[in-house]
Amino acid sequence: MAGPSGGALSYADLLSLLNSIFGISTGGIPTPWMMQPAVSLYNARPVAAATQTTWFDFRNGKRLLIDVVSTLDQACVIQLVGNSITGSYATAKLVGGPLACPIGVPTTSGLDIGVGINDDWHPYIGLIINCAVLPAAGNLAINGIMQL
């Protein structure tokens, strides 16, 4: 393939051509910011001291955002867990430390938890919700949003 001057295509010319055709920058491989719709992992008031959420299948993800929204009248602690084989709490490993979710009354409170492929990545991600005092009112909504 000939370069702009008619000679052999230089490395710089090749990178420029790839960038113009495919949007590939000279800095590396492109990572389009595509995301899946949010998946509900939990949406209720905890009724046990330690409540487990459904598992999030993160096998094809690059990044995962866990969005926690609380209107609970008691504080709780969220612990992210991961598993490399199946979605099983019996063999799950802790991912990071516990994160406090403050009382959500009179306003909504919450937190965001981010997990990336270069962090504590596991193919399956779940959460354990711990409440020292069970809430009498309110709701805890947890959604997972994955970047592909």
N, C-alpha and C. Protein backbone atom coordinates (compact mmCIF):
# COMPACT_ATOMS: atom_id res chain seq x y z
N MET A 1 0.85 -1.17 0.00
CA MET A 1 0.00 0.00 0.00
C MET A 1 0.90 1.23 0.00
N ALA A 2 0.55 2.19 -0.82
CA ALA A 2 1.38 3.38 -0.96
C ALA A 2 0.94 4.46 0.00
N GLY A 3 1.93 5.21 0.52
CA GLY A 3 1.65 6.34 1.40
C GLY A 3 1.31 7.58 0.60
N PRO A 4 1.11 8.71 1.28
CA PRO A 4 0.75 9.95 0.60
C PRO A 4 1.78 10.42 -0.42
N SER A 5 3.05 10.09 -0.19
CA SER A 5 4.10 10.52 -1.12
C SER A 5 4.33 9.50 -2.23
N GLY A 6 3.55 8.43 -2.25
CA GLY A 6 3.70 7.41 -3.28
C GLY A 6 4.61 6.27 -2.88
N GLY A 7 5.40 6.43 -1.80
CA GLY A 7 6.30 5.39 -1.34
C GLY A 7 5.56 4.42 -0.41
N ALA A 8 6.33 3.64 0.33
CA ALA A 8 5.75 2.69 1.27
C ALA A 8 5.02 3.44 2.38
N LEU A 9 3.98 2.84 2.90
CA LEU A 9 3.17 3.44 3.96
C LEU A 9 3.97 3.42 5.27
N SER A 10 4.19 4.59 5.85
CA SER A 10 4.95 4.66 7.10
C SER A 10 4.03 4.29 8.28
N TYR A 11 4.66 4.04 9.41
CA TYR A 11 3.91 3.73 10.62
C TYR A 11 2.98 4.87 10.98
N ALA A 12 3.45 6.12 10.91
CA ALA A 12 2.63 7.29 11.22
C ALA A 12 1.45 7.41 10.26
N ASP A 13 1.71 7.14 8.96
CA ASP A 13 0.62 7.19 7.97
C ASP A 13 -0.41 6.11 8.25
N LEU A 14 0.05 4.90 8.64
CA LEU A 14 -0.87 3.81 8.95
C LEU A 14 -1.75 4.16 10.14
N LEU A 15 -1.15 4.72 11.18
CA LEU A 15 -1.94 5.12 12.35
C LEU A 15 -2.94 6.20 11.99
N SER A 16 -2.54 7.15 11.17
CA SER A 16 -3.45 8.20 10.73
C SER A 16 -4.59 7.63 9.91
N LEU A 17 -4.30 6.69 9.04
CA LEU A 17 -5.32 6.03 8.22
C LEU A 17 -6.30 5.25 9.09
N LEU A 18 -5.80 4.48 10.05
CA LEU A 18 -6.67 3.73 10.95
C LEU A 18 -7.58 4.67 11.75
N ASN A 19 -7.02 5.79 12.19
CA ASN A 19 -7.80 6.76 12.95
C ASN A 19 -8.90 7.35 12.09
N SER A 20 -8.61 7.68 10.84
CA SER A 20 -9.62 8.30 9.99
C SER A 20 -10.70 7.30 9.57
N ILE A 21 -10.36 6.04 9.39
CA ILE A 21 -11.35 5.05 8.94
C ILE A 21 -12.13 4.46 10.12
N PHE A 22 -11.41 4.02 11.15
CA PHE A 22 -12.05 3.27 12.23
C PHE A 22 -12.18 4.04 13.54
N GLY A 23 -11.63 5.23 13.61
CA GLY A 23 -11.68 5.98 14.86
C GLY A 23 -10.67 5.48 15.88
N ILE A 24 -9.66 4.75 15.42
CA ILE A 24 -8.64 4.23 16.33
C ILE A 24 -7.61 5.32 16.55
N SER A 25 -7.42 5.71 17.80
CA SER A 25 -6.45 6.75 18.11
C SER A 25 -5.06 6.15 18.14
N THR A 26 -4.05 7.00 18.06
CA THR A 26 -2.67 6.53 18.11
C THR A 26 -2.28 6.09 19.50
N GLY A 27 -3.16 6.34 20.49
CA GLY A 27 -2.85 5.99 21.87
C GLY A 27 -3.21 4.57 22.24
N GLY A 28 -3.88 3.82 21.41
CA GLY A 28 -4.20 2.44 21.78
C GLY A 28 -5.46 1.92 21.13
N ILE A 29 -6.04 0.95 21.76
CA ILE A 29 -7.22 0.27 21.24
C ILE A 29 -8.47 1.04 21.65
N PRO A 30 -9.44 1.19 20.76
CA PRO A 30 -10.65 1.95 21.12
C PRO A 30 -11.51 1.20 22.13
N THR A 31 -12.15 1.94 22.99
CA THR A 31 -13.10 1.36 23.93
C THR A 31 -14.39 2.14 23.85
N PRO A 32 -15.32 1.70 23.02
CA PRO A 32 -16.57 2.43 22.92
C PRO A 32 -17.34 2.37 24.24
N TRP A 33 -18.02 3.45 24.57
CA TRP A 33 -18.77 3.54 25.81
C TRP A 33 -20.19 3.06 25.58
N MET A 34 -20.35 1.75 25.40
CA MET A 34 -21.67 1.16 25.25
C MET A 34 -22.05 0.56 26.59
N MET A 35 -23.32 0.67 26.94
CA MET A 35 -23.75 0.11 28.21
C MET A 35 -25.04 -0.67 28.05
N GLN A 36 -25.22 -1.62 28.94
CA GLN A 36 -26.48 -2.36 28.99
C GLN A 36 -27.48 -1.54 29.81
N PRO A 37 -28.76 -1.78 29.60
CA PRO A 37 -29.75 -1.14 30.48
C PRO A 37 -29.54 -1.61 31.93
N ALA A 38 -29.95 -0.80 32.87
CA ALA A 38 -29.80 -1.13 34.29
C ALA A 38 -30.55 -2.42 34.62
N VAL A 39 -29.95 -3.22 35.48
CA VAL A 39 -30.55 -4.48 35.94
C VAL A 39 -30.80 -4.34 37.43
N SER A 40 -32.02 -4.63 37.85
CA SER A 40 -32.36 -4.55 39.27
C SER A 40 -31.77 -5.75 40.02
N LEU A 41 -30.94 -5.47 41.02
CA LEU A 41 -30.35 -6.53 41.84
C LEU A 41 -31.12 -6.70 43.15
N TYR A 42 -31.77 -5.63 43.59
CA TYR A 42 -32.53 -5.69 44.84
C TYR A 42 -33.45 -4.47 44.88
N ASN A 43 -34.68 -4.68 45.33
CA ASN A 43 -35.62 -3.57 45.44
C ASN A 43 -36.66 -3.92 46.51
N ALA A 44 -36.31 -3.67 47.77
CA ALA A 44 -37.20 -4.03 48.89
C ALA A 44 -36.64 -3.43 50.17
N ARG A 45 -37.29 -3.71 51.26
CA ARG A 45 -36.78 -3.36 52.58
C ARG A 45 -36.16 -4.62 53.16
N PRO A 46 -34.91 -4.59 53.61
CA PRO A 46 -34.28 -5.78 54.19
C PRO A 46 -35.08 -6.28 55.40
N VAL A 47 -35.28 -7.58 55.46
CA VAL A 47 -36.03 -8.18 56.58
C VAL A 47 -35.16 -9.15 57.38
N ALA A 48 -33.88 -9.23 57.05
CA ALA A 48 -32.94 -10.07 57.79
C ALA A 48 -31.67 -9.26 58.02
N ALA A 49 -30.92 -9.62 59.05
CA ALA A 49 -29.70 -8.87 59.39
C ALA A 49 -28.71 -8.88 58.23
N ALA A 50 -28.59 -9.99 57.52
CA ALA A 50 -27.71 -10.10 56.35
C ALA A 50 -28.55 -10.58 55.17
N THR A 51 -28.76 -9.71 54.21
CA THR A 51 -29.59 -10.02 53.05
C THR A 51 -28.71 -10.09 51.81
N GLN A 52 -28.92 -11.12 50.98
CA GLN A 52 -28.13 -11.29 49.76
C GLN A 52 -28.97 -10.86 48.56
N THR A 53 -28.30 -10.21 47.60
CA THR A 53 -28.98 -9.79 46.38
C THR A 53 -28.87 -10.88 45.33
N THR A 54 -29.54 -10.67 44.21
CA THR A 54 -29.34 -11.57 43.08
C THR A 54 -27.95 -11.30 42.50
N TRP A 55 -27.43 -12.26 41.76
CA TRP A 55 -26.10 -12.12 41.18
C TRP A 55 -26.15 -11.34 39.88
N PHE A 56 -25.11 -10.58 39.61
CA PHE A 56 -24.98 -9.84 38.36
C PHE A 56 -23.95 -10.56 37.50
N ASP A 57 -24.32 -10.94 36.28
CA ASP A 57 -23.42 -11.62 35.36
C ASP A 57 -22.52 -10.58 34.70
N PHE A 58 -21.27 -10.53 35.13
CA PHE A 58 -20.31 -9.52 34.69
C PHE A 58 -19.26 -10.12 33.75
N ARG A 59 -19.54 -11.30 33.18
CA ARG A 59 -18.55 -11.99 32.35
C ARG A 59 -18.14 -11.20 31.11
N ASN A 60 -19.04 -10.42 30.53
CA ASN A 60 -18.73 -9.69 29.30
C ASN A 60 -18.50 -8.21 29.53
N GLY A 61 -18.35 -7.81 30.78
CA GLY A 61 -18.26 -6.39 31.09
C GLY A 61 -16.84 -5.87 31.21
N LYS A 62 -16.71 -4.55 30.98
CA LYS A 62 -15.45 -3.86 31.21
C LYS A 62 -15.51 -3.12 32.55
N ARG A 63 -16.64 -2.48 32.79
CA ARG A 63 -16.84 -1.76 34.05
C ARG A 63 -18.26 -2.01 34.51
N LEU A 64 -18.46 -1.93 35.81
CA LEU A 64 -19.77 -2.13 36.40
C LEU A 64 -20.01 -1.03 37.42
N LEU A 65 -21.17 -0.42 37.33
CA LEU A 65 -21.57 0.59 38.31
C LEU A 65 -22.74 0.00 39.10
N ILE A 66 -22.58 -0.08 40.40
CA ILE A 66 -23.66 -0.49 41.30
C ILE A 66 -24.23 0.79 41.90
N ASP A 67 -25.49 1.06 41.62
CA ASP A 67 -26.16 2.27 42.10
C ASP A 67 -27.09 1.88 43.24
N VAL A 68 -26.85 2.43 44.42
CA VAL A 68 -27.64 2.12 45.62
C VAL A 68 -28.43 3.36 46.01
N VAL A 69 -29.75 3.23 46.10
CA VAL A 69 -30.62 4.34 46.51
C VAL A 69 -31.44 3.87 47.70
N SER A 70 -31.33 4.61 48.81
CA SER A 70 -31.99 4.21 50.05
C SER A 70 -32.97 5.26 50.54
N THR A 71 -34.14 4.79 50.97
CA THR A 71 -35.08 5.62 51.73
C THR A 71 -35.35 4.94 53.07
N LEU A 72 -34.43 4.06 53.49
CA LEU A 72 -34.59 3.31 54.74
C LEU A 72 -34.48 4.23 55.96
N ASP A 73 -35.18 3.86 57.04
CA ASP A 73 -35.09 4.64 58.27
C ASP A 73 -33.94 4.18 59.17
N GLN A 74 -33.12 3.25 58.68
CA GLN A 74 -31.93 2.78 59.39
C GLN A 74 -30.76 2.73 58.40
N ALA A 75 -29.57 2.91 58.92
CA ALA A 75 -28.38 2.79 58.08
C ALA A 75 -28.10 1.31 57.80
N CYS A 76 -27.41 1.05 56.73
CA CYS A 76 -26.99 -0.32 56.42
C CYS A 76 -25.59 -0.29 55.84
N VAL A 77 -25.00 -1.45 55.73
CA VAL A 77 -23.66 -1.59 55.17
C VAL A 77 -23.77 -2.51 53.97
N ILE A 78 -23.16 -2.10 52.87
CA ILE A 78 -23.18 -2.88 51.64
C ILE A 78 -21.80 -3.50 51.45
N GLN A 79 -21.75 -4.81 51.24
CA GLN A 79 -20.49 -5.50 50.96
C GLN A 79 -20.58 -6.15 49.58
N LEU A 80 -19.69 -5.76 48.69
CA LEU A 80 -19.63 -6.34 47.37
C LEU A 80 -18.89 -7.67 47.46
N VAL A 81 -19.41 -8.70 46.80
CA VAL A 81 -18.75 -10.00 46.76
C VAL A 81 -18.66 -10.47 45.31
N GLY A 82 -17.71 -11.34 45.04
CA GLY A 82 -17.55 -11.86 43.70
C GLY A 82 -17.28 -13.34 43.72
N ASN A 83 -17.57 -13.97 42.59
CA ASN A 83 -17.32 -15.39 42.46
C ASN A 83 -16.83 -15.65 41.05
N SER A 84 -15.87 -16.54 40.91
CA SER A 84 -15.26 -16.78 39.60
C SER A 84 -15.87 -17.96 38.85
N ILE A 85 -16.68 -18.75 39.51
CA ILE A 85 -17.22 -19.94 38.83
C ILE A 85 -18.72 -19.78 38.60
N THR A 86 -19.48 -19.67 39.66
CA THR A 86 -20.93 -19.50 39.55
C THR A 86 -21.39 -18.49 40.56
N GLY A 87 -22.63 -18.11 40.45
CA GLY A 87 -23.20 -17.19 41.42
C GLY A 87 -23.57 -17.92 42.70
N SER A 88 -22.61 -18.18 43.56
CA SER A 88 -22.85 -18.88 44.81
C SER A 88 -22.26 -18.08 45.97
N TYR A 89 -23.09 -17.77 46.95
CA TYR A 89 -22.59 -17.04 48.12
C TYR A 89 -21.70 -17.91 48.99
N ALA A 90 -21.85 -19.23 48.91
CA ALA A 90 -21.06 -20.14 49.74
C ALA A 90 -19.57 -20.04 49.45
N THR A 91 -19.21 -19.76 48.19
CA THR A 91 -17.79 -19.69 47.82
C THR A 91 -17.39 -18.27 47.37
N ALA A 92 -18.20 -17.28 47.67
CA ALA A 92 -17.94 -15.90 47.25
C ALA A 92 -16.76 -15.30 48.01
N LYS A 93 -16.06 -14.39 47.35
CA LYS A 93 -14.93 -13.67 47.94
C LYS A 93 -15.34 -12.21 48.13
N LEU A 94 -14.83 -11.60 49.19
CA LEU A 94 -15.09 -10.18 49.41
C LEU A 94 -14.37 -9.36 48.35
N VAL A 95 -15.03 -8.34 47.84
CA VAL A 95 -14.44 -7.43 46.87
C VAL A 95 -14.42 -6.05 47.53
N GLY A 96 -13.24 -5.61 47.91
CA GLY A 96 -13.14 -4.34 48.62
C GLY A 96 -13.67 -4.46 50.04
N GLY A 97 -13.83 -3.32 50.67
CA GLY A 97 -14.33 -3.31 52.04
C GLY A 97 -15.80 -2.95 52.08
N PRO A 98 -16.41 -3.05 53.27
CA PRO A 98 -17.83 -2.70 53.41
C PRO A 98 -18.03 -1.19 53.24
N LEU A 99 -19.15 -0.83 52.65
CA LEU A 99 -19.47 0.58 52.39
C LEU A 99 -20.75 0.96 53.12
N ALA A 100 -20.68 2.05 53.88
CA ALA A 100 -21.84 2.49 54.66
C ALA A 100 -22.84 3.19 53.77
N CYS A 101 -24.09 2.83 53.92
CA CYS A 101 -25.20 3.50 53.26
C CYS A 101 -26.01 4.18 54.36
N PRO A 102 -25.97 5.51 54.45
CA PRO A 102 -26.60 6.21 55.57
C PRO A 102 -28.13 6.14 55.54
N ILE A 103 -28.72 6.56 56.64
CA ILE A 103 -30.18 6.61 56.75
C ILE A 103 -30.72 7.47 55.61
N GLY A 104 -31.79 7.01 54.97
CA GLY A 104 -32.35 7.71 53.83
C GLY A 104 -33.53 8.59 54.15
N VAL A 105 -33.81 8.84 55.42
CA VAL A 105 -34.96 9.64 55.81
C VAL A 105 -34.46 10.94 56.43
N PRO A 106 -34.93 12.11 56.16
CA PRO A 106 -36.11 12.42 55.35
C PRO A 106 -35.81 12.53 53.86
N THR A 107 -34.54 12.51 53.46
CA THR A 107 -34.24 12.56 52.04
C THR A 107 -33.63 11.24 51.59
N THR A 108 -33.55 11.07 50.32
CA THR A 108 -32.95 9.85 49.78
C THR A 108 -31.44 9.92 49.92
N SER A 109 -30.83 8.81 50.31
CA SER A 109 -29.37 8.73 50.35
C SER A 109 -28.94 7.55 49.48
N GLY A 110 -27.68 7.37 49.34
CA GLY A 110 -27.21 6.24 48.55
C GLY A 110 -25.73 6.34 48.29
N LEU A 111 -25.26 5.45 47.43
CA LEU A 111 -23.86 5.44 47.06
C LEU A 111 -23.72 4.74 45.73
N ASP A 112 -22.59 4.96 45.09
CA ASP A 112 -22.25 4.29 43.85
C ASP A 112 -20.98 3.49 44.08
N ILE A 113 -20.96 2.28 43.56
CA ILE A 113 -19.80 1.40 43.69
C ILE A 113 -19.35 1.05 42.28
N GLY A 114 -18.10 1.32 41.95
CA GLY A 114 -17.58 1.02 40.62
C GLY A 114 -16.60 -0.14 40.65
N VAL A 115 -16.74 -1.04 39.69
CA VAL A 115 -15.83 -2.18 39.57
C VAL A 115 -15.36 -2.23 38.12
N GLY A 116 -14.06 -2.36 37.91
CA GLY A 116 -13.53 -2.43 36.55
C GLY A 116 -12.79 -3.72 36.31
N ILE A 117 -12.50 -3.98 35.06
CA ILE A 117 -11.82 -5.21 34.69
C ILE A 117 -10.40 -5.25 35.26
N ASN A 118 -9.82 -4.11 35.57
CA ASN A 118 -8.47 -4.07 36.14
C ASN A 118 -8.48 -3.97 37.66
N ASP A 119 -9.67 -3.95 38.26
CA ASP A 119 -9.79 -3.86 39.71
C ASP A 119 -9.96 -5.26 40.28
N ASP A 120 -10.89 -5.41 41.19
CA ASP A 120 -11.19 -6.72 41.76
C ASP A 120 -12.27 -7.40 40.93
N TRP A 121 -11.96 -7.67 39.67
CA TRP A 121 -12.94 -8.19 38.73
C TRP A 121 -13.26 -9.65 39.02
N HIS A 122 -14.54 -9.97 39.01
CA HIS A 122 -15.04 -11.34 39.10
C HIS A 122 -16.15 -11.50 38.06
N PRO A 123 -16.31 -12.68 37.48
CA PRO A 123 -17.37 -12.86 36.48
C PRO A 123 -18.79 -12.70 37.05
N TYR A 124 -18.95 -12.98 38.33
CA TYR A 124 -20.26 -12.83 38.96
C TYR A 124 -20.10 -11.91 40.18
N ILE A 125 -20.97 -10.91 40.26
CA ILE A 125 -20.92 -9.94 41.35
C ILE A 125 -22.25 -9.97 42.10
N GLY A 126 -22.16 -9.98 43.42
CA GLY A 126 -23.35 -9.92 44.27
C GLY A 126 -23.10 -8.95 45.41
N LEU A 127 -24.12 -8.70 46.19
CA LEU A 127 -23.99 -7.80 47.33
C LEU A 127 -24.63 -8.44 48.55
N ILE A 128 -24.05 -8.14 49.71
CA ILE A 128 -24.64 -8.53 50.98
C ILE A 128 -24.99 -7.25 51.71
N ILE A 129 -26.25 -7.14 52.11
CA ILE A 129 -26.74 -5.96 52.81
C ILE A 129 -26.81 -6.31 54.29
N ASN A 130 -26.07 -5.59 55.10
CA ASN A 130 -26.07 -5.83 56.55
C ASN A 130 -26.73 -4.66 57.26
N CYS A 131 -27.69 -4.97 58.12
CA CYS A 131 -28.38 -3.95 58.92
C CYS A 131 -28.23 -4.31 60.39
N ALA A 132 -27.59 -3.43 61.18
CA ALA A 132 -27.47 -3.67 62.63
C ALA A 132 -28.85 -3.63 63.27
N VAL A 133 -29.68 -2.71 62.80
CA VAL A 133 -31.07 -2.61 63.23
C VAL A 133 -31.93 -2.71 61.98
N LEU A 134 -32.85 -3.65 61.97
CA LEU A 134 -33.70 -3.81 60.79
C LEU A 134 -34.58 -2.57 60.59
N PRO A 135 -34.66 -2.08 59.36
CA PRO A 135 -35.48 -0.90 59.11
C PRO A 135 -36.97 -1.22 59.23
N ALA A 136 -37.72 -0.25 59.75
CA ALA A 136 -39.17 -0.41 59.87
C ALA A 136 -39.89 0.24 58.69
N ALA A 137 -39.20 1.10 57.98
CA ALA A 137 -39.82 1.79 56.85
C ALA A 137 -38.78 2.08 55.79
N GLY A 138 -39.25 2.32 54.59
CA GLY A 138 -38.39 2.70 53.50
C GLY A 138 -38.09 1.55 52.56
N ASN A 139 -37.20 1.83 51.60
CA ASN A 139 -36.88 0.88 50.55
C ASN A 139 -35.40 1.02 50.18
N LEU A 140 -34.83 -0.07 49.71
CA LEU A 140 -33.46 -0.07 49.24
C LEU A 140 -33.48 -0.58 47.81
N ALA A 141 -33.08 0.26 46.87
CA ALA A 141 -33.05 -0.12 45.45
C ALA A 141 -31.60 -0.18 45.00
N ILE A 142 -31.21 -1.33 44.45
CA ILE A 142 -29.84 -1.52 43.97
C ILE A 142 -29.90 -1.96 42.51
N ASN A 143 -29.25 -1.20 41.65
CA ASN A 143 -29.21 -1.51 40.22
C ASN A 143 -27.78 -1.67 39.77
N GLY A 144 -27.56 -2.57 38.81
CA GLY A 144 -26.26 -2.75 38.19
C GLY A 144 -26.30 -2.28 36.75
N ILE A 145 -25.30 -1.47 36.37
CA ILE A 145 -25.21 -0.96 35.00
C ILE A 145 -23.83 -1.33 34.49
N MET A 146 -23.79 -2.10 33.40
CA MET A 146 -22.52 -2.61 32.91
C MET A 146 -22.11 -1.95 31.61
N GLN A 147 -20.83 -1.55 31.53
CA GLN A 147 -20.25 -1.09 30.29
C GLN A 147 -19.72 -2.29 29.55
N LEU A 148 -20.08 -2.41 28.29
CA LEU A 148 -19.62 -3.54 27.47
C LEU A 148 -18.31 -3.21 26.79
